[in-house]
Amino acid sequence: MLAVVHLAYGVRLDAPPRLIQEKHISLKLSSTRSRPFKAVAWRSAERFAQSQLLAGDTLDIAFTLAHNDHPDFGGLELTLRDFRKTNN
């Protein structure tokens, strides 16, 4: 199945990236035109550590949409494919 990659510019990082199992990252993001949303960046912990992202930073992101079926924290989530930090 072909995944559609979406782009979003000027997305705000609402909280510091959270490490998952020492290799993945969980993010809380928001935009002026949407409600807050969660994103996951699989196998990206090292890249995020090198980027030194902080809460309040602004990012341009490439992502696909996914549905997480986990009973405790499931729902619609973004799967981050790429990002770049923008000048605040």
PDB file of N, CA and C in Angstrom:
ATOM      1  N   MET A   1       0.838  -1.179   0.000  1.00  0.00           N
ATOM      2  CA  MET A   1       0.000   0.000   0.000  1.00  0.00           C
ATOM      3  C   MET A   1       0.881   1.241   0.000  1.00  0.00           C
ATOM      4  N   LEU A   2       0.569   2.175  -0.812  1.00  0.00           N
ATOM      5  CA  LEU A   2       1.314   3.415  -0.943  1.00  0.00           C
ATOM      6  C   LEU A   2       0.844   4.407   0.121  1.00  0.00           C
ATOM      7  N   ALA A   3       1.781   4.947   0.895  1.00  0.00           N
ATOM      8  CA  ALA A   3       1.449   5.924   1.930  1.00  0.00           C
ATOM      9  C   ALA A   3       1.545   7.334   1.353  1.00  0.00           C
ATOM     10  N   VAL A   4       0.588   8.151   1.685  1.00  0.00           N
ATOM     11  CA  VAL A   4       0.587   9.545   1.258  1.00  0.00           C
ATOM     12  C   VAL A   4       1.349  10.354   2.301  1.00  0.00           C
ATOM     13  N   VAL A   5       2.361  11.084   1.854  1.00  0.00           N
ATOM     14  CA  VAL A   5       3.154  11.912   2.757  1.00  0.00           C
ATOM     15  C   VAL A   5       2.615  13.337   2.702  1.00  0.00           C
ATOM     16  N   HIS A   6       2.319  13.875   3.878  1.00  0.00           N
ATOM     17  CA  HIS A   6       1.803  15.237   4.014  1.00  0.00           C
ATOM     18  C   HIS A   6       2.910  16.138   4.536  1.00  0.00           C
ATOM     19  N   LEU A   7       2.774  17.434   4.282  1.00  0.00           N
ATOM     20  CA  LEU A   7       3.721  18.428   4.779  1.00  0.00           C
ATOM     21  C   LEU A   7       2.989  19.439   5.640  1.00  0.00           C
ATOM     22  N   ALA A   8       3.649  19.885   6.696  1.00  0.00           N
ATOM     23  CA  ALA A   8       3.110  20.957   7.533  1.00  0.00           C
ATOM     24  C   ALA A   8       4.267  21.883   7.891  1.00  0.00           C
ATOM     25  N   TYR A   9       4.021  23.173   7.774  1.00  0.00           N
ATOM     26  CA  TYR A   9       5.051  24.174   8.034  1.00  0.00           C
ATOM     27  C   TYR A   9       4.704  24.963   9.285  1.00  0.00           C
ATOM     28  N   GLY A  10       5.726  25.316  10.059  1.00  0.00           N
ATOM     29  CA  GLY A  10       5.523  26.146  11.234  1.00  0.00           C
ATOM     30  C   GLY A  10       4.772  25.459  12.362  1.00  0.00           C
ATOM     31  N   VAL A  11       5.034  24.186  12.561  1.00  0.00           N
ATOM     32  CA  VAL A  11       4.390  23.417  13.627  1.00  0.00           C
ATOM     33  C   VAL A  11       5.180  23.629  14.918  1.00  0.00           C
ATOM     34  N   ARG A  12       4.482  23.848  16.008  1.00  0.00           N
ATOM     35  CA  ARG A  12       5.134  24.127  17.296  1.00  0.00           C
ATOM     36  C   ARG A  12       5.307  22.841  18.096  1.00  0.00           C
ATOM     37  N   LEU A  13       6.487  22.668  18.656  1.00  0.00           N
ATOM     38  CA  LEU A  13       6.767  21.560  19.561  1.00  0.00           C
ATOM     39  C   LEU A  13       6.293  21.981  20.951  1.00  0.00           C
ATOM     40  N   ASP A  14       5.223  21.349  21.452  1.00  0.00           N
ATOM     41  CA  ASP A  14       4.601  21.772  22.715  1.00  0.00           C
ATOM     42  C   ASP A  14       5.334  21.274  23.955  1.00  0.00           C
ATOM     43  N   ALA A  15       6.067  20.189  23.834  1.00  0.00           N
ATOM     44  CA  ALA A  15       6.795  19.612  24.972  1.00  0.00           C
ATOM     45  C   ALA A  15       8.087  19.006  24.438  1.00  0.00           C
ATOM     46  N   PRO A  16       9.089  18.833  25.287  1.00  0.00           N
ATOM     47  CA  PRO A  16      10.322  18.195  24.810  1.00  0.00           C
ATOM     48  C   PRO A  16      10.019  16.801  24.252  1.00  0.00           C
ATOM     49  N   PRO A  17      10.746  16.367  23.216  1.00  0.00           N
ATOM     50  CA  PRO A  17      10.544  15.009  22.690  1.00  0.00           C
ATOM     51  C   PRO A  17      10.748  13.980  23.796  1.00  0.00           C
ATOM     52  N   ARG A  18       9.886  12.960  23.811  1.00  0.00           N
ATOM     53  CA  ARG A  18       9.959  11.907  24.825  1.00  0.00           C
ATOM     54  C   ARG A  18      10.506  10.632  24.195  1.00  0.00           C
ATOM     55  N   LEU A  19      11.513  10.068  24.822  1.00  0.00           N
ATOM     56  CA  LEU A  19      12.171   8.859  24.332  1.00  0.00           C
ATOM     57  C   LEU A  19      11.305   7.631  24.610  1.00  0.00           C
ATOM     58  N   ILE A  20      11.177   6.758  23.609  1.00  0.00           N
ATOM     59  CA  ILE A  20      10.440   5.501  23.744  1.00  0.00           C
ATOM     60  C   ILE A  20      11.400   4.359  23.423  1.00  0.00           C
ATOM     61  N   GLN A  21      11.627   3.478  24.357  1.00  0.00           N
ATOM     62  CA  GLN A  21      12.469   2.292  24.186  1.00  0.00           C
ATOM     63  C   GLN A  21      13.847   2.616  23.602  1.00  0.00           C
ATOM     64  N   GLU A  22      14.391   3.765  23.976  1.00  0.00           N
ATOM     65  CA  GLU A  22      15.738   4.200  23.630  1.00  0.00           C
ATOM     66  C   GLU A  22      16.012   4.381  22.137  1.00  0.00           C
ATOM     67  N   LYS A  23      14.996   4.273  21.275  1.00  0.00           N
ATOM     68  CA  LYS A  23      15.257   4.473  19.850  1.00  0.00           C
ATOM     69  C   LYS A  23      14.159   5.223  19.101  1.00  0.00           C
ATOM     70  N   HIS A  24      13.010   5.404  19.736  1.00  0.00           N
ATOM     71  CA  HIS A  24      11.899   6.102  19.095  1.00  0.00           C
ATOM     72  C   HIS A  24      11.603   7.385  19.876  1.00  0.00           C
ATOM     73  N   ILE A  25      10.845   8.289  19.245  1.00  0.00           N
ATOM     74  CA  ILE A  25      10.502   9.561  19.866  1.00  0.00           C
ATOM     75  C   ILE A  25       8.998   9.797  19.776  1.00  0.00           C
ATOM     76  N   SER A  26       8.427  10.280  20.854  1.00  0.00           N
ATOM     77  CA  SER A  26       7.032  10.701  20.892  1.00  0.00           C
ATOM     78  C   SER A  26       7.013  12.224  21.020  1.00  0.00           C
ATOM     79  N   LEU A  27       6.151  12.866  20.247  1.00  0.00           N
ATOM     80  CA  LEU A  27       6.100  14.329  20.220  1.00  0.00           C
ATOM     81  C   LEU A  27       4.683  14.836  20.440  1.00  0.00           C
ATOM     82  N   LYS A  28       4.564  16.001  21.059  1.00  0.00           N
ATOM     83  CA  LYS A  28       3.297  16.721  21.147  1.00  0.00           C
ATOM     84  C   LYS A  28       3.471  17.990  20.331  1.00  0.00           C
ATOM     85  N   LEU A  29       2.659  18.126  19.299  1.00  0.00           N
ATOM     86  CA  LEU A  29       2.783  19.227  18.352  1.00  0.00           C
ATOM     87  C   LEU A  29       1.478  19.994  18.256  1.00  0.00           C
ATOM     88  N   SER A  30       1.567  21.241  17.816  1.00  0.00           N
ATOM     89  CA  SER A  30       0.363  22.024  17.565  1.00  0.00           C
ATOM     90  C   SER A  30       0.614  23.010  16.437  1.00  0.00           C
ATOM     91  N   SER A  31      -0.486  23.478  15.906  1.00  0.00           N
ATOM     92  CA  SER A  31      -0.450  24.454  14.833  1.00  0.00           C
ATOM     93  C   SER A  31      -1.498  25.512  15.150  1.00  0.00           C
ATOM     94  N   THR A  32      -1.323  26.676  14.620  1.00  0.00           N
ATOM     95  CA  THR A  32      -2.314  27.732  14.859  1.00  0.00           C
ATOM     96  C   THR A  32      -3.656  27.381  14.224  1.00  0.00           C
ATOM     97  N   ARG A  33      -3.645  26.446  13.261  1.00  0.00           N
ATOM     98  CA  ARG A  33      -4.879  26.086  12.559  1.00  0.00           C
ATOM     99  C   ARG A  33      -5.456  24.735  12.968  1.00  0.00           C
ATOM    100  N   SER A  34      -4.901  24.123  14.004  1.00  0.00           N
ATOM    101  CA  SER A  34      -5.419  22.812  14.412  1.00  0.00           C
ATOM    102  C   SER A  34      -5.282  22.638  15.916  1.00  0.00           C
ATOM    103  N   ARG A  35      -5.953  21.649  16.415  1.00  0.00           N
ATOM    104  CA  ARG A  35      -5.807  21.299  17.826  1.00  0.00           C
ATOM    105  C   ARG A  35      -4.498  20.545  17.999  1.00  0.00           C
ATOM    106  N   PRO A  36      -4.011  20.418  19.234  1.00  0.00           N
ATOM    107  CA  PRO A  36      -2.763  19.670  19.457  1.00  0.00           C
ATOM    108  C   PRO A  36      -2.892  18.222  18.992  1.00  0.00           C
ATOM    109  N   PHE A  37      -1.778  17.662  18.564  1.00  0.00           N
ATOM    110  CA  PHE A  37      -1.778  16.282  18.112  1.00  0.00           C
ATOM    111  C   PHE A  37      -0.485  15.607  18.516  1.00  0.00           C
ATOM    112  N   LYS A  38      -0.506  14.276  18.510  1.00  0.00           N
ATOM    113  CA  LYS A  38       0.683  13.515  18.867  1.00  0.00           C
ATOM    114  C   LYS A  38       1.312  12.941  17.609  1.00  0.00           C
ATOM    115  N   ALA A  39       2.617  12.769  17.680  1.00  0.00           N
ATOM    116  CA  ALA A  39       3.370  12.212  16.557  1.00  0.00           C
ATOM    117  C   ALA A  39       4.409  11.241  17.102  1.00  0.00           C
ATOM    118  N   VAL A  40       4.763  10.284  16.281  1.00  0.00           N
ATOM    119  CA  VAL A  40       5.792   9.316  16.632  1.00  0.00           C
ATOM    120  C   VAL A  40       6.837   9.327  15.526  1.00  0.00           C
ATOM    121  N   ALA A  41       8.096   9.306  15.923  1.00  0.00           N
ATOM    122  CA  ALA A  41       9.211   9.218  14.965  1.00  0.00           C
ATOM    123  C   ALA A  41       9.955   7.924  15.277  1.00  0.00           C
ATOM    124  N   TRP A  42       9.732   6.918  14.461  1.00  0.00           N
ATOM    125  CA  TRP A  42      10.342   5.610  14.690  1.00  0.00           C
ATOM    126  C   TRP A  42      11.825   5.644  14.348  1.00  0.00           C
ATOM    127  N   ARG A  43      12.637   5.015  15.177  1.00  0.00           N
ATOM    128  CA  ARG A  43      14.089   4.889  14.979  1.00  0.00           C
ATOM    129  C   ARG A  43      14.749   6.246  14.715  1.00  0.00           C
ATOM    130  N   SER A  44      14.345   7.250  15.452  1.00  0.00           N
ATOM    131  CA  SER A  44      14.847   8.611  15.230  1.00  0.00           C
ATOM    132  C   SER A  44      15.442   9.258  16.467  1.00  0.00           C
ATOM    133  N   ALA A  45      15.629   8.521  17.533  1.00  0.00           N
ATOM    134  CA  ALA A  45      16.097   9.115  18.797  1.00  0.00           C
ATOM    135  C   ALA A  45      17.436   9.822  18.633  1.00  0.00           C
ATOM    136  N   GLU A  46      18.362   9.213  17.930  1.00  0.00           N
ATOM    137  CA  GLU A  46      19.688   9.810  17.769  1.00  0.00           C
ATOM    138  C   GLU A  46      19.614  11.134  17.016  1.00  0.00           C
ATOM    139  N   ARG A  47      18.819  11.186  15.955  1.00  0.00           N
ATOM    140  CA  ARG A  47      18.698  12.417  15.175  1.00  0.00           C
ATOM    141  C   ARG A  47      18.067  13.528  16.010  1.00  0.00           C
ATOM    142  N   PHE A  48      17.057  13.192  16.803  1.00  0.00           N
ATOM    143  CA  PHE A  48      16.432  14.204  17.645  1.00  0.00           C
ATOM    144  C   PHE A  48      17.390  14.695  18.712  1.00  0.00           C
ATOM    145  N   ALA A  49      18.195  13.806  19.277  1.00  0.00           N
ATOM    146  CA  ALA A  49      19.183  14.211  20.280  1.00  0.00           C
ATOM    147  C   ALA A  49      20.185  15.186  19.672  1.00  0.00           C
ATOM    148  N   GLN A  50      20.609  14.937  18.454  1.00  0.00           N
ATOM    149  CA  GLN A  50      21.561  15.821  17.780  1.00  0.00           C
ATOM    150  C   GLN A  50      20.936  17.173  17.458  1.00  0.00           C
ATOM    151  N   SER A  51      19.641  17.203  17.238  1.00  0.00           N
ATOM    152  CA  SER A  51      18.951  18.445  16.879  1.00  0.00           C
ATOM    153  C   SER A  51      18.714  19.360  18.069  1.00  0.00           C
ATOM    154  N   GLN A  52      18.804  18.822  19.278  1.00  0.00           N
ATOM    155  CA  GLN A  52      18.620  19.587  20.511  1.00  0.00           C
ATOM    156  C   GLN A  52      17.334  20.418  20.493  1.00  0.00           C
ATOM    157  N   LEU A  53      16.225  19.762  20.190  1.00  0.00           N
ATOM    158  CA  LEU A  53      14.935  20.441  20.141  1.00  0.00           C
ATOM    159  C   LEU A  53      14.415  20.714  21.538  1.00  0.00           C
ATOM    160  N   LEU A  54      13.782  21.869  21.701  1.00  0.00           N
ATOM    161  CA  LEU A  54      13.210  22.289  22.970  1.00  0.00           C
ATOM    162  C   LEU A  54      11.737  22.627  22.780  1.00  0.00           C
ATOM    163  N   ALA A  55      10.980  22.534  23.855  1.00  0.00           N
ATOM    164  CA  ALA A  55       9.586  22.961  23.808  1.00  0.00           C
ATOM    165  C   ALA A  55       9.527  24.409  23.328  1.00  0.00           C
ATOM    166  N   GLY A  56       8.619  24.677  22.426  1.00  0.00           N
ATOM    167  CA  GLY A  56       8.485  26.012  21.857  1.00  0.00           C
ATOM    168  C   GLY A  56       9.157  26.164  20.507  1.00  0.00           C
ATOM    169  N   ASP A  57      10.042  25.235  20.142  1.00  0.00           N
ATOM    170  CA  ASP A  57      10.684  25.290  18.829  1.00  0.00           C
ATOM    171  C   ASP A  57       9.644  25.096  17.730  1.00  0.00           C
ATOM    172  N   THR A  58       9.942  25.637  16.561  1.00  0.00           N
ATOM    173  CA  THR A  58       9.064  25.510  15.410  1.00  0.00           C
ATOM    174  C   THR A  58       9.719  24.587  14.385  1.00  0.00           C
ATOM    175  N   LEU A  59       8.895  23.698  13.807  1.00  0.00           N
ATOM    176  CA  LEU A  59       9.387  22.703  12.857  1.00  0.00           C
ATOM    177  C   LEU A  59       8.569  22.713  11.582  1.00  0.00           C
ATOM    178  N   ASP A  60       9.188  22.320  10.494  1.00  0.00           N
ATOM    179  CA  ASP A  60       8.503  21.919   9.278  1.00  0.00           C
ATOM    180  C   ASP A  60       8.584  20.403   9.272  1.00  0.00           C
ATOM    181  N   ILE A  61       7.457  19.727   9.016  1.00  0.00           N
ATOM    182  CA  ILE A  61       7.452  18.273   9.120  1.00  0.00           C
ATOM    183  C   ILE A  61       6.864  17.610   7.879  1.00  0.00           C
ATOM    184  N   ALA A  62       7.328  16.403   7.607  1.00  0.00           N
ATOM    185  CA  ALA A  62       6.738  15.501   6.617  1.00  0.00           C
ATOM    186  C   ALA A  62       6.227  14.310   7.411  1.00  0.00           C
ATOM    187  N   PHE A  63       4.989  13.890   7.148  1.00  0.00           N
ATOM    188  CA  PHE A  63       4.393  12.840   7.964  1.00  0.00           C
ATOM    189  C   PHE A  63       3.351  12.038   7.184  1.00  0.00           C
ATOM    190  N   THR A  64       3.059  10.867   7.698  1.00  0.00           N
ATOM    191  CA  THR A  64       1.928  10.077   7.230  1.00  0.00           C
ATOM    192  C   THR A  64       0.967   9.938   8.399  1.00  0.00           C
ATOM    193  N   LEU A  65      -0.284   9.661   8.096  1.00  0.00           N
ATOM    194  CA  LEU A  65      -1.291   9.457   9.121  1.00  0.00           C
ATOM    195  C   LEU A  65      -1.406   7.975   9.435  1.00  0.00           C
ATOM    196  N   ALA A  66      -1.590   7.660  10.719  1.00  0.00           N
ATOM    197  CA  ALA A  66      -1.737   6.270  11.140  1.00  0.00           C
ATOM    198  C   ALA A  66      -2.759   6.216  12.270  1.00  0.00           C
ATOM    199  N   HIS A  67      -3.285   5.019  12.506  1.00  0.00           N
ATOM    200  CA  HIS A  67      -4.187   4.806  13.628  1.00  0.00           C
ATOM    201  C   HIS A  67      -3.523   3.847  14.591  1.00  0.00           C
ATOM    202  N   ASN A  68      -3.375   4.277  15.843  1.00  0.00           N
ATOM    203  CA  ASN A  68      -2.779   3.453  16.887  1.00  0.00           C
ATOM    204  C   ASN A  68      -3.921   2.752  17.619  1.00  0.00           C
ATOM    205  N   ASP A  69      -3.889   1.419  17.659  1.00  0.00           N
ATOM    206  CA  ASP A  69      -4.966   0.641  18.276  1.00  0.00           C
ATOM    207  C   ASP A  69      -4.734   0.332  19.751  1.00  0.00           C
ATOM    208  N   HIS A  70      -3.694   0.888  20.358  1.00  0.00           N
ATOM    209  CA  HIS A  70      -3.406   0.607  21.759  1.00  0.00           C
ATOM    210  C   HIS A  70      -4.576   1.074  22.630  1.00  0.00           C
ATOM    211  N   PRO A  71      -5.053   0.229  23.557  1.00  0.00           N
ATOM    212  CA  PRO A  71      -6.232   0.602  24.356  1.00  0.00           C
ATOM    213  C   PRO A  71      -6.017   1.790  25.297  1.00  0.00           C
ATOM    214  N   ASP A  72      -4.780   2.051  25.736  1.00  0.00           N
ATOM    215  CA  ASP A  72      -4.535   3.143  26.674  1.00  0.00           C
ATOM    216  C   ASP A  72      -4.239   4.477  25.997  1.00  0.00           C
ATOM    217  N   PHE A  73      -3.553   4.455  24.877  1.00  0.00           N
ATOM    218  CA  PHE A  73      -3.180   5.715  24.233  1.00  0.00           C
ATOM    219  C   PHE A  73      -3.336   5.658  22.725  1.00  0.00           C
ATOM    220  N   GLY A  74      -4.330   4.933  22.276  1.00  0.00           N
ATOM    221  CA  GLY A  74      -4.571   4.798  20.840  1.00  0.00           C
ATOM    222  C   GLY A  74      -5.274   6.006  20.253  1.00  0.00           C
ATOM    223  N   GLY A  75      -5.503   5.945  18.974  1.00  0.00           N
ATOM    224  CA  GLY A  75      -6.177   7.015  18.251  1.00  0.00           C
ATOM    225  C   GLY A  75      -5.350   7.431  17.048  1.00  0.00           C
ATOM    226  N   LEU A  76      -5.776   8.488  16.429  1.00  0.00           N
ATOM    227  CA  LEU A  76      -5.071   9.008  15.255  1.00  0.00           C
ATOM    228  C   LEU A  76      -3.743   9.608  15.687  1.00  0.00           C
ATOM    229  N   GLU A  77      -2.682   9.267  14.971  1.00  0.00           N
ATOM    230  CA  GLU A  77      -1.377   9.861  15.250  1.00  0.00           C
ATOM    231  C   GLU A  77      -0.623  10.076  13.951  1.00  0.00           C
ATOM    232  N   LEU A  78       0.303  10.985  14.013  1.00  0.00           N
ATOM    233  CA  LEU A  78       1.168  11.260  12.872  1.00  0.00           C
ATOM    234  C   LEU A  78       2.419  10.403  12.993  1.00  0.00           C
ATOM    235  N   THR A  79       2.843   9.842  11.894  1.00  0.00           N
ATOM    236  CA  THR A  79       4.126   9.148  11.855  1.00  0.00           C
ATOM    237  C   THR A  79       5.089  10.081  11.132  1.00  0.00           C
ATOM    238  N   LEU A  80       6.016  10.633  11.886  1.00  0.00           N
ATOM    239  CA  LEU A  80       6.958  11.599  11.334  1.00  0.00           C
ATOM    240  C   LEU A  80       7.931  10.911  10.397  1.00  0.00           C
ATOM    241  N   ARG A  81       8.080  11.440   9.202  1.00  0.00           N
ATOM    242  CA  ARG A  81       9.014  10.910   8.204  1.00  0.00           C
ATOM    243  C   ARG A  81      10.287  11.739   8.116  1.00  0.00           C
ATOM    244  N   ASP A  82      10.140  13.060   8.330  1.00  0.00           N
ATOM    245  CA  ASP A  82      11.295  13.956   8.293  1.00  0.00           C
ATOM    246  C   ASP A  82      10.895  15.257   8.967  1.00  0.00           C
ATOM    247  N   PHE A  83      11.889  16.032   9.361  1.00  0.00           N
ATOM    248  CA  PHE A  83      11.617  17.316   9.994  1.00  0.00           C
ATOM    249  C   PHE A  83      12.827  18.226   9.799  1.00  0.00           C
ATOM    250  N   ARG A  84      12.577  19.502   9.975  1.00  0.00           N
ATOM    251  CA  ARG A  84      13.668  20.478  10.064  1.00  0.00           C
ATOM    252  C   ARG A  84      13.203  21.574  11.016  1.00  0.00           C
ATOM    253  N   LYS A  85      14.151  22.003  11.818  1.00  0.00           N
ATOM    254  CA  LYS A  85      13.883  23.089  12.748  1.00  0.00           C
ATOM    255  C   LYS A  85      13.920  24.392  11.967  1.00  0.00           C
ATOM    256  N   THR A  86      12.952  25.255  12.231  1.00  0.00           N
ATOM    257  CA  THR A  86      12.902  26.552  11.554  1.00  0.00           C
ATOM    258  C   THR A  86      13.327  27.633  12.513  1.00  0.00           C
ATOM    259  N   ASN A  87      13.621  28.796  12.004  1.00  0.00           N
ATOM    260  CA  ASN A  87      13.979  29.933  12.851  1.00  0.00           C
ATOM    261  C   ASN A  87      12.730  30.446  13.535  1.00  0.00           C
ATOM    262  N   ASN A  88      12.776  30.585  14.837  1.00  0.00           N
ATOM    263  CA  ASN A  88      11.618  31.084  15.595  1.00  0.00           C
ATOM    264  C   ASN A  88      11.462  32.566  15.434  1.00  0.00           C
TER     265      ASN A  88
END
